[in-house]
Amino acid sequence: MMYRLMSKWVVVLICGFQVQIALAKKIDLVVRTLKTQKDCVQSEKFLYICGDYSSRLVFEGLIEDIVKTKIGFDTWQAIQNSGHNLMIVHNPLAVLSAGRAEAELSFKLTNGICSSVIIYFHAGIPANGSHIVAGTKEEWTEFTKRQNFFYELSHARHKMNGTWEIMQSEDQAIKDENIFRSEENPGVINLRSLNWDKGEHVWLPLLG
């Protein structure tokens, strides 16, 4: 009898835990993160920027510069019209990976349903960037702060619109970035490679 009662309580506890997990997953990623992330300001209805005042100004300036290009404008419009939230967080440790765009991994990212995204980025990196990347001439090329930030916005755009190509996500973002590079500096051939060391970043301090 005692065993049966204990078994029922175990089932109830497990089911209750599963319900809590299910409910947590239904709560928007950005909304959940706002409860623990400090110094966040809602810049637009869909946009939260987190960091000190100077960092928030940096991110706003990057966005203003990026939307001056066609693909930058289209990318920002797609993010804005996605129906989901974008959070941009100043995080010095993000420099190690040249920034990252995080979303809850699910088929929503690829099937058109989509998800909210958090971009972690170091606002304090210099204008010429913190990394170099593989170029089309099989040599390392620049990866400016603006190009780097747009690259993360490209990932965010596709994840927020359910068009993220999970097996080709690097190709997808690099193709967008190459268009951005061409529009940002017309006539300057300085594109990223889709073959040689594709998607690789080298942190400049490691070069000595």
C-alpha atoms as a PDB file:
ATOM      1  CA  MET A   1       0.000   0.000   0.000  1.00  0.00           C
ATOM      2  CA  MET A   2       2.782   2.387   0.990  1.00  0.00           C
ATOM      3  CA  TYR A   3       4.651   1.521  -2.211  1.00  0.00           C
ATOM      4  CA  ARG A   4       1.594   2.334  -4.324  1.00  0.00           C
ATOM      5  CA  LEU A   5       1.144   5.686  -2.566  1.00  0.00           C
ATOM      6  CA  MET A   6       4.812   6.548  -3.074  1.00  0.00           C
ATOM      7  CA  SER A   7       4.579   5.519  -6.731  1.00  0.00           C
ATOM      8  CA  LYS A   8       1.584   7.817  -7.216  1.00  0.00           C
ATOM      9  CA  TRP A   9       3.456  10.713  -5.603  1.00  0.00           C
ATOM     10  CA  VAL A  10       6.465  10.074  -7.836  1.00  0.00           C
ATOM     11  CA  VAL A  11       4.211  10.124 -10.914  1.00  0.00           C
ATOM     12  CA  VAL A  12       2.576  13.351  -9.734  1.00  0.00           C
ATOM     13  CA  LEU A  13       5.960  14.979  -9.099  1.00  0.00           C
ATOM     14  CA  ILE A  14       7.333  13.886 -12.482  1.00  0.00           C
ATOM     15  CA  CYS A  15       4.221  15.049 -14.316  1.00  0.00           C
ATOM     16  CA  GLY A  16       4.291  18.355 -12.446  1.00  0.00           C
ATOM     17  CA  PHE A  17       7.936  18.851 -13.358  1.00  0.00           C
ATOM     18  CA  GLN A  18       7.175  18.092 -17.013  1.00  0.00           C
ATOM     19  CA  VAL A  19       4.326  20.623 -16.992  1.00  0.00           C
ATOM     20  CA  GLN A  20       6.661  23.277 -15.555  1.00  0.00           C
ATOM     21  CA  ILE A  21       9.197  22.573 -18.305  1.00  0.00           C
ATOM     22  CA  ALA A  22       6.473  22.741 -20.954  1.00  0.00           C
ATOM     23  CA  LEU A  23       5.177  26.043 -19.561  1.00  0.00           C
ATOM     24  CA  ALA A  24       8.713  27.474 -19.422  1.00  0.00           C
ATOM     25  CA  LYS A  25       9.250  26.633 -23.078  1.00  0.00           C
ATOM     26  CA  LYS A  26       6.077  28.491 -24.005  1.00  0.00           C
ATOM     27  CA  ILE A  27       7.384  31.674 -22.373  1.00  0.00           C
ATOM     28  CA  ASP A  28       9.364  33.774 -24.833  1.00  0.00           C
ATOM     29  CA  LEU A  29      13.154  33.375 -24.498  1.00  0.00           C
ATOM     30  CA  VAL A  30      13.746  37.130 -24.283  1.00  0.00           C
ATOM     31  CA  VAL A  31      10.921  37.627 -21.769  1.00  0.00           C
ATOM     32  CA  ARG A  32      12.452  34.907 -19.566  1.00  0.00           C
ATOM     33  CA  THR A  33      15.930  36.398 -19.848  1.00  0.00           C
ATOM     34  CA  LEU A  34      14.714  39.872 -18.885  1.00  0.00           C
ATOM     35  CA  LYS A  35      14.092  38.533 -15.391  1.00  0.00           C
ATOM     36  CA  THR A  36      17.806  37.950 -14.838  1.00  0.00           C
ATOM     37  CA  GLN A  37      19.566  40.256 -17.316  1.00  0.00           C
ATOM     38  CA  LYS A  38      20.539  43.661 -15.905  1.00  0.00           C
ATOM     39  CA  ASP A  39      20.598  47.112 -17.510  1.00  0.00           C
ATOM     40  CA  CYS A  40      18.071  46.344 -20.257  1.00  0.00           C
ATOM     41  CA  VAL A  41      16.202  49.078 -22.100  1.00  0.00           C
ATOM     42  CA  GLN A  42      13.305  48.469 -24.472  1.00  0.00           C
ATOM     43  CA  SER A  43      14.436  50.466 -27.484  1.00  0.00           C
ATOM     44  CA  GLU A  44      11.546  49.433 -29.736  1.00  0.00           C
ATOM     45  CA  LYS A  45       8.497  47.218 -29.291  1.00  0.00           C
ATOM     46  CA  PHE A  46      10.471  44.137 -30.355  1.00  0.00           C
ATOM     47  CA  LEU A  47      13.965  45.250 -29.279  1.00  0.00           C
ATOM     48  CA  TYR A  48      15.766  45.147 -25.938  1.00  0.00           C
ATOM     49  CA  ILE A  49      19.338  46.421 -25.606  1.00  0.00           C
ATOM     50  CA  CYS A  50      21.266  45.437 -22.481  1.00  0.00           C
ATOM     51  CA  GLY A  51      24.421  47.035 -21.154  1.00  0.00           C
ATOM     52  CA  ASP A  52      25.615  50.362 -19.809  1.00  0.00           C
ATOM     53  CA  TYR A  53      24.636  53.611 -21.518  1.00  0.00           C
ATOM     54  CA  SER A  54      27.720  53.796 -23.743  1.00  0.00           C
ATOM     55  CA  SER A  55      27.285  50.187 -24.895  1.00  0.00           C
ATOM     56  CA  ARG A  56      23.661  50.803 -25.806  1.00  0.00           C
ATOM     57  CA  LEU A  57      24.724  53.830 -27.858  1.00  0.00           C
ATOM     58  CA  VAL A  58      27.270  51.673 -29.695  1.00  0.00           C
ATOM     59  CA  PHE A  59      24.632  49.116 -30.674  1.00  0.00           C
ATOM     60  CA  GLU A  60      22.178  51.801 -31.776  1.00  0.00           C
ATOM     61  CA  GLY A  61      24.925  53.378 -33.901  1.00  0.00           C
ATOM     62  CA  LEU A  62      25.795  50.050 -35.530  1.00  0.00           C
ATOM     63  CA  ILE A  63      22.158  49.463 -36.430  1.00  0.00           C
ATOM     64  CA  GLU A  64      21.853  52.989 -37.877  1.00  0.00           C
ATOM     65  CA  ASP A  65      24.899  52.397 -40.089  1.00  0.00           C
ATOM     66  CA  ILE A  66      23.844  48.906 -41.169  1.00  0.00           C
ATOM     67  CA  VAL A  67      20.340  49.914 -42.323  1.00  0.00           C
ATOM     68  CA  LYS A  68      21.895  52.402 -44.762  1.00  0.00           C
ATOM     69  CA  THR A  69      22.621  49.430 -47.037  1.00  0.00           C
ATOM     70  CA  LYS A  70      19.794  47.627 -48.836  1.00  0.00           C
ATOM     71  CA  ILE A  71      20.451  44.235 -47.299  1.00  0.00           C
ATOM     72  CA  GLY A  72      20.927  45.864 -43.914  1.00  0.00           C
ATOM     73  CA  PHE A  73      17.556  47.602 -44.223  1.00  0.00           C
ATOM     74  CA  ASP A  74      15.866  44.413 -45.455  1.00  0.00           C
ATOM     75  CA  THR A  75      17.424  42.397 -42.618  1.00  0.00           C
ATOM     76  CA  TRP A  76      16.267  44.859 -39.978  1.00  0.00           C
ATOM     77  CA  GLN A  77      12.764  45.035 -41.476  1.00  0.00           C
ATOM     78  CA  ALA A  78      12.531  41.236 -41.447  1.00  0.00           C
ATOM     79  CA  ILE A  79      13.546  41.184 -37.783  1.00  0.00           C
ATOM     80  CA  GLN A  80      11.094  43.940 -36.944  1.00  0.00           C
ATOM     81  CA  ASN A  81       8.206  42.253 -38.765  1.00  0.00           C
ATOM     82  CA  SER A  82       8.906  38.736 -37.472  1.00  0.00           C
ATOM     83  CA  GLY A  83       6.542  39.033 -34.520  1.00  0.00           C
ATOM     84  CA  HIS A  84       9.325  37.953 -32.153  1.00  0.00           C
ATOM     85  CA  ASN A  85      11.731  39.723 -29.820  1.00  0.00           C
ATOM     86  CA  LEU A  86      15.402  40.530 -30.283  1.00  0.00           C
ATOM     87  CA  MET A  87      17.682  41.160 -27.314  1.00  0.00           C
ATOM     88  CA  ILE A  88      21.186  42.561 -27.814  1.00  0.00           C
ATOM     89  CA  VAL A  89      23.470  42.059 -24.825  1.00  0.00           C
ATOM     90  CA  HIS A  90      26.851  43.669 -24.246  1.00  0.00           C
ATOM     91  CA  ASN A  91      29.095  40.820 -23.071  1.00  0.00           C
ATOM     92  CA  PRO A  92      32.911  41.192 -23.178  1.00  0.00           C
ATOM     93  CA  LEU A  93      33.328  37.396 -23.165  1.00  0.00           C
ATOM     94  CA  ALA A  94      31.457  37.192 -26.476  1.00  0.00           C
ATOM     95  CA  VAL A  95      34.587  38.533 -28.168  1.00  0.00           C
ATOM     96  CA  LEU A  96      36.125  35.058 -27.908  1.00  0.00           C
ATOM     97  CA  SER A  97      33.639  33.701 -30.470  1.00  0.00           C
ATOM     98  CA  ALA A  98      33.197  36.990 -32.373  1.00  0.00           C
ATOM     99  CA  GLY A  99      29.677  37.245 -30.978  1.00  0.00           C
ATOM    100  CA  ARG A 100      26.818  34.771 -31.092  1.00  0.00           C
ATOM    101  CA  ALA A 101      23.091  34.714 -31.849  1.00  0.00           C
ATOM    102  CA  GLU A 102      21.223  32.314 -29.583  1.00  0.00           C
ATOM    103  CA  ALA A 103      17.730  30.872 -29.884  1.00  0.00           C
ATOM    104  CA  GLU A 104      16.017  27.818 -28.463  1.00  0.00           C
ATOM    105  CA  LEU A 105      16.950  24.982 -30.799  1.00  0.00           C
ATOM    106  CA  SER A 106      13.834  23.553 -32.438  1.00  0.00           C
ATOM    107  CA  PHE A 107      12.223  23.016 -35.827  1.00  0.00           C
ATOM    108  CA  LYS A 108      10.632  26.458 -35.373  1.00  0.00           C
ATOM    109  CA  LEU A 109      13.884  27.953 -36.640  1.00  0.00           C
ATOM    110  CA  THR A 110      13.525  26.202 -39.988  1.00  0.00           C
ATOM    111  CA  ASN A 111       9.812  25.685 -40.625  1.00  0.00           C
ATOM    112  CA  GLY A 112       8.574  29.266 -40.745  1.00  0.00           C
ATOM    113  CA  ILE A 113       7.264  29.416 -37.167  1.00  0.00           C
ATOM    114  CA  CYS A 114      10.473  31.018 -35.838  1.00  0.00           C
ATOM    115  CA  SER A 115      11.687  32.134 -32.421  1.00  0.00           C
ATOM    116  CA  SER A 116      13.044  35.087 -30.453  1.00  0.00           C
ATOM    117  CA  VAL A 117      16.817  35.609 -30.427  1.00  0.00           C
ATOM    118  CA  ILE A 118      19.485  36.973 -28.092  1.00  0.00           C
ATOM    119  CA  ILE A 119      22.685  38.404 -29.616  1.00  0.00           C
ATOM    120  CA  TYR A 120      25.702  38.483 -27.305  1.00  0.00           C
ATOM    121  CA  PHE A 121      28.318  40.942 -28.556  1.00  0.00           C
ATOM    122  CA  HIS A 122      31.228  42.924 -27.113  1.00  0.00           C
ATOM    123  CA  ALA A 123      30.356  46.572 -27.727  1.00  0.00           C
ATOM    124  CA  GLY A 124      33.893  47.691 -26.934  1.00  0.00           C
ATOM    125  CA  ILE A 125      35.800  46.032 -29.781  1.00  0.00           C
ATOM    126  CA  PRO A 126      37.547  48.501 -32.140  1.00  0.00           C
ATOM    127  CA  ALA A 127      35.970  49.626 -35.405  1.00  0.00           C
ATOM    128  CA  ASN A 128      38.375  47.475 -37.428  1.00  0.00           C
ATOM    129  CA  GLY A 129      37.163  44.417 -35.521  1.00  0.00           C
ATOM    130  CA  SER A 130      38.535  41.845 -33.124  1.00  0.00           C
ATOM    131  CA  HIS A 131      38.995  38.957 -35.592  1.00  0.00           C
ATOM    132  CA  ILE A 132      40.065  38.163 -39.125  1.00  0.00           C
ATOM    133  CA  VAL A 133      38.227  35.684 -41.361  1.00  0.00           C
ATOM    134  CA  ALA A 134      38.893  33.485 -44.383  1.00  0.00           C
ATOM    135  CA  GLY A 135      38.769  35.450 -47.642  1.00  0.00           C
ATOM    136  CA  THR A 136      37.997  34.360 -51.204  1.00  0.00           C
ATOM    137  CA  LYS A 137      41.673  34.495 -52.203  1.00  0.00           C
ATOM    138  CA  GLU A 138      42.606  31.862 -49.593  1.00  0.00           C
ATOM    139  CA  GLU A 139      44.040  34.484 -47.299  1.00  0.00           C
ATOM    140  CA  TRP A 140      42.827  36.072 -44.083  1.00  0.00           C
ATOM    141  CA  THR A 141      40.812  39.248 -44.498  1.00  0.00           C
ATOM    142  CA  GLU A 142      39.238  41.912 -42.331  1.00  0.00           C
ATOM    143  CA  PHE A 143      36.132  41.384 -40.229  1.00  0.00           C
ATOM    144  CA  THR A 144      35.186  44.851 -39.074  1.00  0.00           C
ATOM    145  CA  LYS A 145      32.981  45.527 -36.091  1.00  0.00           C
ATOM    146  CA  ARG A 146      30.099  46.491 -38.394  1.00  0.00           C
ATOM    147  CA  GLN A 147      30.518  43.409 -40.610  1.00  0.00           C
ATOM    148  CA  ASN A 148      30.709  41.216 -37.501  1.00  0.00           C
ATOM    149  CA  PHE A 149      27.531  42.698 -36.036  1.00  0.00           C
ATOM    150  CA  PHE A 150      25.667  42.371 -39.335  1.00  0.00           C
ATOM    151  CA  TYR A 151      26.741  38.719 -39.519  1.00  0.00           C
ATOM    152  CA  GLU A 152      25.015  38.098 -36.170  1.00  0.00           C
ATOM    153  CA  LEU A 153      21.962  40.052 -37.315  1.00  0.00           C
ATOM    154  CA  SER A 154      21.756  37.766 -40.349  1.00  0.00           C
ATOM    155  CA  HIS A 155      21.636  34.715 -38.093  1.00  0.00           C
ATOM    156  CA  ALA A 156      19.005  36.446 -35.982  1.00  0.00           C
ATOM    157  CA  ARG A 157      16.921  37.353 -39.019  1.00  0.00           C
ATOM    158  CA  HIS A 158      16.707  33.783 -40.243  1.00  0.00           C
ATOM    159  CA  LYS A 159      16.053  32.311 -36.806  1.00  0.00           C
ATOM    160  CA  MET A 160      13.337  34.895 -36.142  1.00  0.00           C
ATOM    161  CA  ASN A 161      11.637  34.179 -39.475  1.00  0.00           C
ATOM    162  CA  GLY A 162      11.948  30.386 -39.510  1.00  0.00           C
ATOM    163  CA  THR A 163      14.295  30.419 -42.512  1.00  0.00           C
ATOM    164  CA  TRP A 164      17.459  29.297 -40.706  1.00  0.00           C
ATOM    165  CA  GLU A 165      19.289  26.612 -42.680  1.00  0.00           C
ATOM    166  CA  ILE A 166      20.469  24.472 -39.802  1.00  0.00           C
ATOM    167  CA  MET A 167      22.982  22.447 -41.845  1.00  0.00           C
ATOM    168  CA  GLN A 168      24.155  25.427 -43.906  1.00  0.00           C
ATOM    169  CA  SER A 169      23.830  28.265 -41.407  1.00  0.00           C
ATOM    170  CA  GLU A 170      27.398  29.503 -41.926  1.00  0.00           C
ATOM    171  CA  ASP A 171      26.950  29.607 -45.713  1.00  0.00           C
ATOM    172  CA  GLN A 172      23.658  31.428 -45.254  1.00  0.00           C
ATOM    173  CA  ALA A 173      25.112  34.140 -43.018  1.00  0.00           C
ATOM    174  CA  ILE A 174      28.321  34.513 -45.039  1.00  0.00           C
ATOM    175  CA  LYS A 175      26.356  34.968 -48.282  1.00  0.00           C
ATOM    176  CA  ASP A 176      24.341  37.733 -46.603  1.00  0.00           C
ATOM    177  CA  GLU A 177      27.513  39.264 -45.193  1.00  0.00           C
ATOM    178  CA  ASN A 178      29.198  39.285 -48.606  1.00  0.00           C
ATOM    179  CA  ILE A 179      26.249  41.235 -50.026  1.00  0.00           C
ATOM    180  CA  PHE A 180      26.572  43.633 -47.098  1.00  0.00           C
ATOM    181  CA  ARG A 181      30.319  43.999 -47.742  1.00  0.00           C
ATOM    182  CA  SER A 182      29.650  44.765 -51.431  1.00  0.00           C
ATOM    183  CA  GLU A 183      26.982  47.347 -50.627  1.00  0.00           C
ATOM    184  CA  GLU A 184      28.975  48.905 -47.816  1.00  0.00           C
ATOM    185  CA  ASN A 185      32.057  49.410 -50.015  1.00  0.00           C
ATOM    186  CA  PRO A 186      31.010  49.328 -53.712  1.00  0.00           C
ATOM    187  CA  GLY A 187      33.856  48.331 -55.993  1.00  0.00           C
ATOM    188  CA  VAL A 188      35.961  46.875 -53.186  1.00  0.00           C
ATOM    189  CA  ILE A 189      36.425  43.131 -53.618  1.00  0.00           C
ATOM    190  CA  ASN A 190      36.942  41.927 -50.080  1.00  0.00           C
ATOM    191  CA  LEU A 191      34.621  38.987 -49.602  1.00  0.00           C
ATOM    192  CA  ARG A 192      34.536  35.973 -47.297  1.00  0.00           C
ATOM    193  CA  SER A 193      35.195  32.485 -48.574  1.00  0.00           C
ATOM    194  CA  LEU A 194      32.533  29.804 -48.729  1.00  0.00           C
ATOM    195  CA  ASN A 195      35.194  27.146 -49.238  1.00  0.00           C
ATOM    196  CA  TRP A 196      38.615  27.772 -47.705  1.00  0.00           C
ATOM    197  CA  ASP A 197      38.361  27.711 -43.876  1.00  0.00           C
ATOM    198  CA  LYS A 198      34.699  28.654 -44.184  1.00  0.00           C
ATOM    199  CA  GLY A 199      33.265  30.237 -41.074  1.00  0.00           C
ATOM    200  CA  GLU A 200      36.606  30.325 -39.253  1.00  0.00           C
ATOM    201  CA  HIS A 201      37.484  33.344 -37.099  1.00  0.00           C
ATOM    202  CA  VAL A 202      40.927  34.098 -35.724  1.00  0.00           C
ATOM    203  CA  TRP A 203      41.042  36.353 -32.675  1.00  0.00           C
ATOM    204  CA  LEU A 204      43.618  39.064 -33.337  1.00  0.00           C
ATOM    205  CA  PRO A 205      45.423  38.773 -29.937  1.00  0.00           C
ATOM    206  CA  LEU A 206      46.268  35.188 -30.860  1.00  0.00           C
ATOM    207  CA  LEU A 207      48.362  36.487 -33.761  1.00  0.00           C
ATOM    208  CA  GLY A 208      50.741  38.151 -31.353  1.00  0.00           C
END
